[in-house]
C-alpha atoms as a PDB file:
ATOM      1  CA  MET A   1       3.701  34.166   6.199  1.00  0.00           C
ATOM      2  CA  VAL A   2       5.570  33.800   9.934  1.00  0.00           C
ATOM      3  CA  LYS A   3       8.043  36.791  10.401  1.00  0.00           C
ATOM      4  CA  LYS A   4       9.928  37.804  13.074  1.00  0.00           C
ATOM      5  CA  ASN A   5      10.797  41.428  13.097  1.00  0.00           C
ATOM      6  CA  GLY A   6       9.433  41.862  10.096  1.00  0.00           C
ATOM      7  CA  GLN A   7      11.803  39.126   8.641  1.00  0.00           C
ATOM      8  CA  GLU A   8      10.412  35.942   7.058  1.00  0.00           C
ATOM      9  CA  VAL A   9      11.824  33.154   9.179  1.00  0.00           C
ATOM     10  CA  LYS A  10      13.062  29.907   7.993  1.00  0.00           C
ATOM     11  CA  GLY A  11      14.709  27.236   9.766  1.00  0.00           C
ATOM     12  CA  SER A  12      14.571  28.390  12.867  1.00  0.00           C
ATOM     13  CA  VAL A  13      13.351  26.685  16.325  1.00  0.00           C
ATOM     14  CA  PHE A  14      10.142  28.700  18.147  1.00  0.00           C
ATOM     15  CA  VAL A  15       8.153  27.979  21.274  1.00  0.00           C
ATOM     16  CA  THR A  16       4.488  28.987  21.846  1.00  0.00           C
ATOM     17  CA  ARG A  17       1.308  28.342  23.539  1.00  0.00           C
ATOM     18  CA  ASP A  18      -0.955  29.970  21.298  1.00  0.00           C
ATOM     19  CA  TYR A  19      -2.476  26.313  19.843  1.00  0.00           C
ATOM     20  CA  SER A  20      -4.721  28.472  17.591  1.00  0.00           C
ATOM     21  CA  VAL A  21      -1.568  29.660  15.221  1.00  0.00           C
ATOM     22  CA  PHE A  22      -1.061  25.913  13.811  1.00  0.00           C
ATOM     23  CA  LYS A  23      -3.347  24.809  10.816  1.00  0.00           C
ATOM     24  CA  LYS A  24      -3.681  21.025   9.362  1.00  0.00           C
ATOM     25  CA  ILE A  25      -3.160  20.672   6.545  1.00  0.00           C
ATOM     26  CA  ARG A  26      -5.463  19.317   3.553  1.00  0.00           C
ATOM     27  CA  GLY A  27      -5.317  15.951   2.778  1.00  0.00           C
ATOM     28  CA  ASN A  28      -3.526  14.956   6.249  1.00  0.00           C
ATOM     29  CA  ARG A  29      -4.287  11.638   8.249  1.00  0.00           C
ATOM     30  CA  ASP A  30      -6.872  12.554  10.856  1.00  0.00           C
ATOM     31  CA  VAL A  31      -5.808  12.288  14.501  1.00  0.00           C
ATOM     32  CA  ASP A  32      -5.766   9.189  16.356  1.00  0.00           C
ATOM     33  CA  PRO A  33      -7.075   9.623  19.620  1.00  0.00           C
ATOM     34  CA  ASN A  34      -5.550   6.281  20.779  1.00  0.00           C
ATOM     35  CA  HIS A  35      -2.438   7.615  19.576  1.00  0.00           C
ATOM     36  CA  VAL A  36      -2.915  11.184  21.187  1.00  0.00           C
ATOM     37  CA  LYS A  37      -3.766   9.134  24.370  1.00  0.00           C
ATOM     38  CA  ARG A  38      -0.521   7.305  24.213  1.00  0.00           C
ATOM     39  CA  LEU A  39       1.388  10.597  23.562  1.00  0.00           C
ATOM     40  CA  VAL A  40       0.003  12.035  26.607  1.00  0.00           C
ATOM     41  CA  LYS A  41       1.433   9.430  28.978  1.00  0.00           C
ATOM     42  CA  ALA A  42       4.282   9.214  27.607  1.00  0.00           C
ATOM     43  CA  ILE A  43       4.799  12.689  27.965  1.00  0.00           C
ATOM     44  CA  SER A  44       3.605  13.065  31.180  1.00  0.00           C
ATOM     45  CA  GLU A  45       6.560  10.254  32.117  1.00  0.00           C
ATOM     46  CA  GLN A  46       8.974  11.943  30.197  1.00  0.00           C
ATOM     47  CA  ASP A  47       8.689  15.078  28.085  1.00  0.00           C
ATOM     48  CA  LEU A  48      11.324  15.003  24.837  1.00  0.00           C
ATOM     49  CA  ASP A  49       9.954  17.963  24.086  1.00  0.00           C
ATOM     50  CA  ILE A  50      10.442  17.292  20.154  1.00  0.00           C
ATOM     51  CA  PRO A  51       9.915  20.025  17.738  1.00  0.00           C
ATOM     52  CA  ILE A  52       6.935  19.828  15.343  1.00  0.00           C
ATOM     53  CA  ILE A  53       7.333  20.878  11.653  1.00  0.00           C
ATOM     54  CA  VAL A  54       5.510  23.228  10.334  1.00  0.00           C
ATOM     55  CA  ASP A  55       5.848  25.625   6.758  1.00  0.00           C
ATOM     56  CA  ARG A  56       5.707  29.193   6.708  1.00  0.00           C
ATOM     57  CA  GLU A  57       1.971  29.065   7.084  1.00  0.00           C
ATOM     58  CA  MET A  58       1.848  27.505   9.952  1.00  0.00           C
ATOM     59  CA  PHE A  59       0.043  24.728   8.488  1.00  0.00           C
ATOM     60  CA  VAL A  60       1.176  21.278  10.146  1.00  0.00           C
ATOM     61  CA  LEU A  61       3.301  19.196   8.155  1.00  0.00           C
ATOM     62  CA  ASP A  62       4.559  16.455  10.733  1.00  0.00           C
ATOM     63  CA  GLY A  63       3.844  15.987  14.404  1.00  0.00           C
ATOM     64  CA  GLN A  64       0.024  16.892  14.580  1.00  0.00           C
ATOM     65  CA  HIS A  65      -0.385  14.260  17.490  1.00  0.00           C
ATOM     66  CA  ARG A  66       1.868  15.922  19.456  1.00  0.00           C
ATOM     67  CA  LEU A  67       0.812  19.184  19.040  1.00  0.00           C
ATOM     68  CA  GLU A  68      -3.007  17.571  20.361  1.00  0.00           C
ATOM     69  CA  ALA A  69      -0.914  16.065  23.184  1.00  0.00           C
ATOM     70  CA  ARG A  70       0.446  19.170  24.424  1.00  0.00           C
ATOM     71  CA  LYS A  71      -2.268  21.342  23.749  1.00  0.00           C
ATOM     72  CA  GLN A  72      -4.155  18.509  26.113  1.00  0.00           C
ATOM     73  CA  LEU A  73      -1.554  18.748  28.908  1.00  0.00           C
ATOM     74  CA  ASN A  74      -1.332  22.269  28.437  1.00  0.00           C
ATOM     75  CA  LEU A  75       2.293  22.463  27.737  1.00  0.00           C
ATOM     76  CA  PRO A  76       4.052  24.726  25.481  1.00  0.00           C
ATOM     77  CA  VAL A  77       4.935  23.666  21.900  1.00  0.00           C
ATOM     78  CA  LYS A  78       8.449  23.961  20.343  1.00  0.00           C
ATOM     79  CA  TYR A  79       7.946  24.198  16.426  1.00  0.00           C
ATOM     80  CA  TYR A  80      10.468  24.186  13.572  1.00  0.00           C
ATOM     81  CA  ILE A  81       9.578  25.965  10.367  1.00  0.00           C
ATOM     82  CA  GLY A  82      10.511  24.114   7.459  1.00  0.00           C
ATOM     83  CA  GLN A  83      11.422  24.952   4.016  1.00  0.00           C
ATOM     84  CA  PHE A  84       8.463  23.330   2.903  1.00  0.00           C
ATOM     85  CA  SER A  85       5.816  25.134   0.553  1.00  0.00           C
ATOM     86  CA  GLU A  86       4.497  22.023  -2.048  1.00  0.00           C
ATOM     87  CA  ASP A  87       2.798  19.172  -1.557  1.00  0.00           C
ATOM     88  CA  LEU A  88       5.546  17.032  -2.434  1.00  0.00           C
ATOM     89  CA  ASP A  89       7.581  18.594   0.587  1.00  0.00           C
ATOM     90  CA  THR A  90       4.456  17.864   2.764  1.00  0.00           C
ATOM     91  CA  ALA A  91       4.557  13.737   1.618  1.00  0.00           C
ATOM     92  CA  ARG A  92       8.353  13.782   1.657  1.00  0.00           C
ATOM     93  CA  ALA A  93       8.267  15.102   5.099  1.00  0.00           C
ATOM     94  CA  ASN A  94       6.190  12.125   5.979  1.00  0.00           C
ATOM     95  CA  THR A  95       7.784   9.376   4.127  1.00  0.00           C
ATOM     96  CA  ASN A  96      10.539   9.759   6.781  1.00  0.00           C
ATOM     97  CA  SER A  97       8.237   9.067   9.324  1.00  0.00           C
ATOM     98  CA  VAL A  98       6.112   5.610  10.619  1.00  0.00           C
ATOM     99  CA  LYS A  99       3.078   7.805  10.878  1.00  0.00           C
ATOM    100  CA  TRP A 100       1.536   7.495   7.300  1.00  0.00           C
ATOM    101  CA  SER A 101      -0.117   4.305   5.649  1.00  0.00           C
ATOM    102  CA  THR A 102      -0.609   3.479   2.177  1.00  0.00           C
ATOM    103  CA  ILE A 103      -3.700   4.611   2.239  1.00  0.00           C
ATOM    104  CA  ASN A 104      -2.752   8.031   3.317  1.00  0.00           C
ATOM    105  CA  TYR A 105      -0.311   8.552   0.623  1.00  0.00           C
ATOM    106  CA  ILE A 106      -3.276   7.324  -1.644  1.00  0.00           C
ATOM    107  CA  ASP A 107      -5.994  10.019   0.048  1.00  0.00           C
ATOM    108  CA  PHE A 108      -3.231  12.961   0.128  1.00  0.00           C
ATOM    109  CA  TYR A 109      -2.334  12.927  -3.815  1.00  0.00           C
ATOM    110  CA  ALA A 110      -5.787  12.151  -4.652  1.00  0.00           C
ATOM    111  CA  GLN A 111      -7.354  14.666  -3.017  1.00  0.00           C
ATOM    112  CA  ARG A 112      -4.797  17.028  -5.143  1.00  0.00           C
ATOM    113  CA  GLY A 113      -6.247  15.774  -8.288  1.00  0.00           C
ATOM    114  CA  LYS A 114      -3.781  13.186  -9.143  1.00  0.00           C
ATOM    115  CA  LYS A 115      -5.706  10.865 -11.540  1.00  0.00           C
ATOM    116  CA  ASP A 116      -3.547   7.913 -10.902  1.00  0.00           C
ATOM    117  CA  TYR A 117      -4.377   7.974  -7.312  1.00  0.00           C
ATOM    118  CA  GLN A 118      -7.624   8.592  -7.602  1.00  0.00           C
ATOM    119  CA  LEU A 119      -7.726   5.297  -9.706  1.00  0.00           C
ATOM    120  CA  LEU A 120      -6.664   3.578  -6.575  1.00  0.00           C
ATOM    121  CA  LYS A 121      -8.905   4.508  -4.585  1.00  0.00           C
ATOM    122  CA  PHE A 122     -11.601   3.475  -7.480  1.00  0.00           C
ATOM    123  CA  LEU A 123      -9.778   0.012  -7.123  1.00  0.00           C
ATOM    124  CA  ILE A 124     -10.292  -0.139  -3.512  1.00  0.00           C
ATOM    125  CA  LYS A 125     -13.532   0.972  -3.071  1.00  0.00           C
ATOM    126  CA  GLN A 126     -14.887  -1.100  -6.039  1.00  0.00           C
ATOM    127  CA  TYR A 127     -13.413  -4.466  -5.432  1.00  0.00           C
ATOM    128  CA  GLY A 128     -12.533  -4.198  -1.622  1.00  0.00           C
ATOM    129  CA  PHE A 129      -8.585  -4.419  -2.013  1.00  0.00           C
ATOM    130  CA  ASN A 130      -6.643  -3.289   0.629  1.00  0.00           C
ATOM    131  CA  PRO A 131      -4.577  -0.740  -0.378  1.00  0.00           C
ATOM    132  CA  ASP A 132      -1.161  -2.223  -0.587  1.00  0.00           C
ATOM    133  CA  VAL A 133      -2.866  -4.779  -2.941  1.00  0.00           C
ATOM    134  CA  ALA A 134      -4.503  -2.094  -5.213  1.00  0.00           C
ATOM    135  CA  VAL A 135      -0.865  -0.260  -5.692  1.00  0.00           C
ATOM    136  CA  VAL A 136       0.880  -3.346  -6.938  1.00  0.00           C
ATOM    137  CA  VAL A 137      -2.394  -4.815  -8.763  1.00  0.00           C
ATOM    138  CA  GLY A 138      -2.366  -1.181 -10.841  1.00  0.00           C
ATOM    139  CA  VAL A 139       1.145  -2.002 -12.015  1.00  0.00           C
ATOM    140  CA  LYS A 140       0.568  -5.749 -12.489  1.00  0.00           C
ATOM    141  CA  ARG A 141       2.007  -7.196  -9.922  1.00  0.00           C
ATOM    142  CA  THR A 142       1.702  -9.525  -7.156  1.00  0.00           C
ATOM    143  CA  ASN A 143       4.509  -8.687  -4.991  1.00  0.00           C
ATOM    144  CA  ARG A 144       5.133  -5.780  -2.687  1.00  0.00           C
ATOM    145  CA  ALA A 145       8.232  -4.409  -4.425  1.00  0.00           C
ATOM    146  CA  SER A 146       9.905  -1.299  -2.319  1.00  0.00           C
ATOM    147  CA  ASP A 147      10.369   0.793  -5.535  1.00  0.00           C
ATOM    148  CA  ILE A 148       6.629   0.743  -6.231  1.00  0.00           C
ATOM    149  CA  PHE A 149       5.844   1.767  -2.858  1.00  0.00           C
ATOM    150  CA  GLU A 150       8.436   4.619  -3.027  1.00  0.00           C
ATOM    151  CA  ASP A 151       7.001   6.350  -6.306  1.00  0.00           C
ATOM    152  CA  LEU A 152       4.030   6.123  -4.608  1.00  0.00           C
ATOM    153  CA  LYS A 153       5.186   8.465  -1.241  1.00  0.00           C
ATOM    154  CA  LEU A 154       6.645  10.497  -3.388  1.00  0.00           C
ATOM    155  CA  GLY A 155       3.488  11.045  -5.714  1.00  0.00           C
ATOM    156  CA  SER A 156       5.228   9.748  -8.921  1.00  0.00           C
ATOM    157  CA  TYR A 157       3.065   6.659  -8.948  1.00  0.00           C
ATOM    158  CA  LYS A 158       1.452   5.534 -12.891  1.00  0.00           C
ATOM    159  CA  MET A 159      -1.139   2.822 -13.235  1.00  0.00           C
ATOM    160  CA  THR A 160      -0.172   1.027 -16.056  1.00  0.00           C
ATOM    161  CA  ALA A 161      -2.674  -1.814 -15.946  1.00  0.00           C
ATOM    162  CA  LEU A 162      -6.047  -0.827 -15.028  1.00  0.00           C
ATOM    163  CA  SER A 163      -7.900  -2.988 -17.177  1.00  0.00           C
ATOM    164  CA  TRP A 164      -5.883  -6.043 -15.968  1.00  0.00           C
ATOM    165  CA  ALA A 165      -6.838  -4.688 -12.075  1.00  0.00           C
ATOM    166  CA  ASN A 166     -10.744  -4.219 -13.035  1.00  0.00           C
ATOM    167  CA  GLU A 167     -10.512  -8.049 -14.186  1.00  0.00           C
ATOM    168  CA  VAL A 168      -8.844  -9.245 -11.338  1.00  0.00           C
ATOM    169  CA  GLY A 169     -10.900  -7.111  -9.116  1.00  0.00           C
ATOM    170  CA  GLU A 170     -14.371  -8.328 -10.927  1.00  0.00           C
ATOM    171  CA  SER A 171     -13.208 -11.946 -10.686  1.00  0.00           C
ATOM    172  CA  TYR A 172     -12.124 -11.525  -7.006  1.00  0.00           C
ATOM    173  CA  GLN A 173     -15.747 -10.111  -6.298  1.00  0.00           C
ATOM    174  CA  LYS A 174     -17.206 -13.447  -7.868  1.00  0.00           C
ATOM    175  CA  LEU A 175     -14.778 -15.532  -5.660  1.00  0.00           C
ATOM    176  CA  ILE A 176     -16.247 -13.499  -2.516  1.00  0.00           C
ATOM    177  CA  LYS A 177     -20.246 -14.089  -3.930  1.00  0.00           C
ATOM    178  CA  LEU A 178     -19.381 -17.961  -3.990  1.00  0.00           C
ATOM    179  CA  LEU A 179     -16.523 -18.214  -0.677  1.00  0.00           C
ATOM    180  CA  GLY A 180     -17.565 -15.306   1.405  1.00  0.00           C
ATOM    181  CA  LYS A 181     -15.226 -14.643   4.563  1.00  0.00           C
ATOM    182  CA  GLN A 182     -12.717 -17.440   3.353  1.00  0.00           C
ATOM    183  CA  ALA A 183     -11.919 -15.725   0.228  1.00  0.00           C
ATOM    184  CA  LYS A 184     -11.172 -12.287   1.979  1.00  0.00           C
ATOM    185  CA  SER A 185      -8.399 -13.107   3.584  1.00  0.00           C
ATOM    186  CA  ARG A 186      -5.013 -11.453   2.567  1.00  0.00           C
ATOM    187  CA  ALA A 187      -3.428 -15.352   1.881  1.00  0.00           C
ATOM    188  CA  PHE A 188      -6.288 -16.203  -0.326  1.00  0.00           C
ATOM    189  CA  LEU A 189      -6.142 -13.198  -2.736  1.00  0.00           C
ATOM    190  CA  ASN A 190      -2.047 -12.848  -2.547  1.00  0.00           C
ATOM    191  CA  ALA A 191      -2.441 -16.479  -3.737  1.00  0.00           C
ATOM    192  CA  PHE A 192      -5.027 -15.868  -6.181  1.00  0.00           C
ATOM    193  CA  LEU A 193      -3.255 -13.031  -7.974  1.00  0.00           C
ATOM    194  CA  ILE A 194      -0.428 -15.151  -8.653  1.00  0.00           C
ATOM    195  CA  PHE A 195      -2.491 -17.959  -9.519  1.00  0.00           C
ATOM    196  CA  PHE A 196      -4.413 -15.264 -12.046  1.00  0.00           C
ATOM    197  CA  LYS A 197      -1.168 -14.400 -13.748  1.00  0.00           C
ATOM    198  CA  HIS A 198      -0.516 -18.005 -14.881  1.00  0.00           C
ATOM    199  CA  PRO A 199      -0.644 -18.045 -18.251  1.00  0.00           C
ATOM    200  CA  GLU A 200      -2.751 -20.917 -18.667  1.00  0.00           C
ATOM    201  CA  PHE A 201      -4.885 -20.072 -15.823  1.00  0.00           C
ATOM    202  CA  GLU A 202      -8.669 -19.659 -17.281  1.00  0.00           C
ATOM    203  CA  PHE A 203     -11.373 -18.207 -14.280  1.00  0.00           C
ATOM    204  CA  LYS A 204     -14.356 -20.196 -16.068  1.00  0.00           C
ATOM    205  CA  ARG A 205     -12.659 -23.205 -15.060  1.00  0.00           C
ATOM    206  CA  PHE A 206     -11.282 -22.444 -11.512  1.00  0.00           C
ATOM    207  CA  ILE A 207     -15.033 -20.833 -10.711  1.00  0.00           C
ATOM    208  CA  HIS A 208     -16.590 -24.468 -11.744  1.00  0.00           C
ATOM    209  CA  ALA A 209     -13.751 -26.700  -9.976  1.00  0.00           C
ATOM    210  CA  LEU A 210     -14.564 -24.187  -6.708  1.00  0.00           C
ATOM    211  CA  LYS A 211     -18.203 -25.000  -7.183  1.00  0.00           C
ATOM    212  CA  VAL A 212     -17.405 -29.014  -7.310  1.00  0.00           C
ATOM    213  CA  ASN A 213     -14.715 -29.105  -4.682  1.00  0.00           C
ATOM    214  CA  GLY A 214     -14.097 -25.770  -2.880  1.00  0.00           C
ATOM    215  CA  SER A 215     -14.693 -27.651   0.476  1.00  0.00           C
ATOM    216  CA  LYS A 216     -10.968 -28.698  -0.047  1.00  0.00           C
ATOM    217  CA  ILE A 217      -9.727 -24.728   0.704  1.00  0.00           C
ATOM    218  CA  LEU A 218     -11.304 -24.710   3.890  1.00  0.00           C
ATOM    219  CA  GLY A 219      -7.747 -26.176   5.473  1.00  0.00           C
ATOM    220  CA  ALA A 220      -5.805 -23.317   3.784  1.00  0.00           C
ATOM    221  CA  THR A 221      -4.360 -20.830   6.110  1.00  0.00           C
ATOM    222  CA  ASP A 222      -1.498 -19.115   4.042  1.00  0.00           C
ATOM    223  CA  ARG A 223      -0.482 -18.203   0.737  1.00  0.00           C
ATOM    224  CA  MET A 224       1.295 -21.073   0.101  1.00  0.00           C
ATOM    225  CA  SER A 225      -1.135 -23.393   1.284  1.00  0.00           C
ATOM    226  CA  TYR A 226      -3.780 -21.734  -0.885  1.00  0.00           C
ATOM    227  CA  ILE A 227      -1.072 -22.065  -4.245  1.00  0.00           C
ATOM    228  CA  LYS A 228      -1.234 -25.880  -3.310  1.00  0.00           C
ATOM    229  CA  VAL A 229      -5.079 -26.410  -2.663  1.00  0.00           C
ATOM    230  CA  PHE A 230      -5.762 -23.918  -5.860  1.00  0.00           C
ATOM    231  CA  GLU A 231      -3.592 -26.487  -7.656  1.00  0.00           C
ATOM    232  CA  THR A 232      -5.307 -29.532  -6.746  1.00  0.00           C
ATOM    233  CA  VAL A 233      -8.944 -28.173  -7.047  1.00  0.00           C
ATOM    234  CA  TYR A 234      -8.092 -26.735 -10.230  1.00  0.00           C
ATOM    235  CA  ASN A 235      -6.735 -29.641 -11.721  1.00  0.00           C
ATOM    236  CA  SER A 236      -9.267 -32.145 -10.109  1.00  0.00           C
ATOM    237  CA  TYR A 237     -12.018 -30.192 -13.027  1.00  0.00           C
ATOM    238  CA  LEU A 238     -10.864 -32.592 -15.871  1.00  0.00           C
ATOM    239  CA  SER A 239     -13.535 -35.186 -16.160  1.00  0.00           C
ATOM    240  CA  GLY A 240     -14.985 -35.553 -19.569  1.00  0.00           C
ATOM    241  CA  ARG A 241     -13.311 -32.631 -20.534  1.00  0.00           C
ATOM    242  CA  LYS A 242      -9.820 -31.883 -22.400  1.00  0.00           C
ATOM    243  CA  PHE A 243      -7.936 -29.909 -19.913  1.00  0.00           C
ATOM    244  CA  LYS A 244      -4.174 -29.626 -19.127  1.00  0.00           C
ATOM    245  CA  LYS A 245      -3.081 -29.982 -15.663  1.00  0.00           C
ATOM    246  CA  ILE A 246      -1.540 -26.888 -14.094  1.00  0.00           C
ATOM    247  CA  LYS A 247       1.789 -27.409 -11.937  1.00  0.00           C
ATOM    248  CA  LEU A 248       1.098 -24.411 -10.023  1.00  0.00           C
ATOM    249  CA  VAL A 249       3.093 -25.381  -7.037  1.00  0.00           C
ATOM    250  CA  ARG A 250       6.325 -26.048  -9.251  1.00  0.00           C
ATOM    251  CA  TRP A 251       5.447 -22.494 -10.874  1.00  0.00           C
ATOM    252  CA  VAL A 252       5.530 -20.618  -7.867  1.00  0.00           C
ATOM    253  CA  GLU A 253       8.665 -22.644  -6.506  1.00  0.00           C
ATOM    254  CA  ASP A 254      10.431 -21.469  -9.500  1.00  0.00           C
ATOM    255  CA  ARG A 255       8.886 -17.524  -8.918  1.00  0.00           C
ATOM    256  CA  ALA A 256       8.002 -17.761 -12.567  1.00  0.00           C
ATOM    257  CA  TYR A 257       5.750 -15.266 -11.749  1.00  0.00           C
ATOM    258  CA  VAL A 258       7.863 -12.797 -10.335  1.00  0.00           C
ATOM    259  CA  GLU A 259       8.297  -9.799 -12.578  1.00  0.00           C
ATOM    260  CA  VAL A 260      11.105  -9.667 -15.038  1.00  0.00           C
ATOM    261  CA  THR A 261      12.844  -6.598 -13.867  1.00  0.00           C
ATOM    262  CA  ASP A 262      12.586  -8.589  -9.895  1.00  0.00           C
ATOM    263  CA  ARG A 263      14.368 -11.429 -11.527  1.00  0.00           C
ATOM    264  CA  LEU A 264      16.980  -9.564 -13.256  1.00  0.00           C
ATOM    265  CA  ARG A 265      16.950  -7.125  -9.965  1.00  0.00           C
ATOM    266  CA  ALA A 266      17.753 -10.240  -7.823  1.00  0.00           C
ATOM    267  CA  ALA A 267      20.375 -12.007 -10.681  1.00  0.00           C
ATOM    268  CA  ARG A 268      22.563  -9.171 -10.519  1.00  0.00           C
ATOM    269  CA  GLN A 269      22.718  -8.758  -6.328  1.00  0.00           C
ATOM    270  CA  ALA A 270      23.663 -12.552  -6.783  1.00  0.00           C
ATOM    271  CA  GLY A 271      26.451 -11.903  -9.119  1.00  0.00           C
ATOM    272  CA  ARG A 272      24.318 -13.628 -12.034  1.00  0.00           C
ATOM    273  CA  ASN A 273      23.691 -13.182 -15.224  1.00  0.00           C
ATOM    274  CA  GLN A 274      21.987 -16.205 -16.924  1.00  0.00           C
ATOM    275  CA  TRP A 275      18.807 -14.644 -16.863  1.00  0.00           C
ATOM    276  CA  SER A 276      19.636 -11.482 -18.664  1.00  0.00           C
ATOM    277  CA  LYS A 277      18.746 -12.857 -22.381  1.00  0.00           C
ATOM    278  CA  LYS A 278      15.960 -14.883 -21.417  1.00  0.00           C
ATOM    279  CA  TYR A 279      13.951 -12.286 -19.686  1.00  0.00           C
ATOM    280  CA  LYS A 280      15.306  -8.807 -21.426  1.00  0.00           C
ATOM    281  CA  LYS A 281      11.257  -7.983 -22.189  1.00  0.00           C
ATOM    282  CA  GLU A 282       9.148  -6.921 -19.726  1.00  0.00           C
ATOM    283  CA  ASP A 283       6.247  -9.259 -19.465  1.00  0.00           C
END
């Protein structure tokens, strides 16, 4: 515990050249050598001398890259003793910076035993999902809604659709096996997640259609172009079969895939209430 003249100190700024007093918090992200290199150059040109933030035990909560840069330059380090003692405070300290990515928050809380975050790590490893994709798939969403990621950062994320996420993941792996690199693009996956939510979508039909007309997707580059080609390919697999055509493009343009909560929020913001009765229940 940090004390000055025998008294515990909080909320004060101090200066030291003893770099050994600082400790790395478990679960914090690794130091990026390239980022440190950029900071060394910036500090050499103009030293703003911004304090790092530590807790009462001298664990660095924010500023470990600045600490490493000043250490390499043999410069004194200003540090601020924040009133942080809980894991949540550590994450909140980083929420207000640009330094932590989605995977940093997932790792942080997973290492602290939060099951929902451990399940996110499973989805990422098992199915090759991008961390952002895993977060939305875990709650049966297809869009990167800010409320979900705010919960993620604050440690309150709850995975509510694990079975659906596994179903999506297993299907996606089959697409990768069939299409290779093409299926690994973010645009492809985002389009597939939307298609997968269509109430009339049948994965077996889709995979068979791709085997016959899969070459048609080669020209797609963004989410909407994939949506269009998915519709064409899916509906082309009709010969001799009693399959119904899916108007996927229209479905997307009407934003029918957007979650009910998002629709209601958008309607309120626009001052419209016509969707309130129709979409009063969660899908």
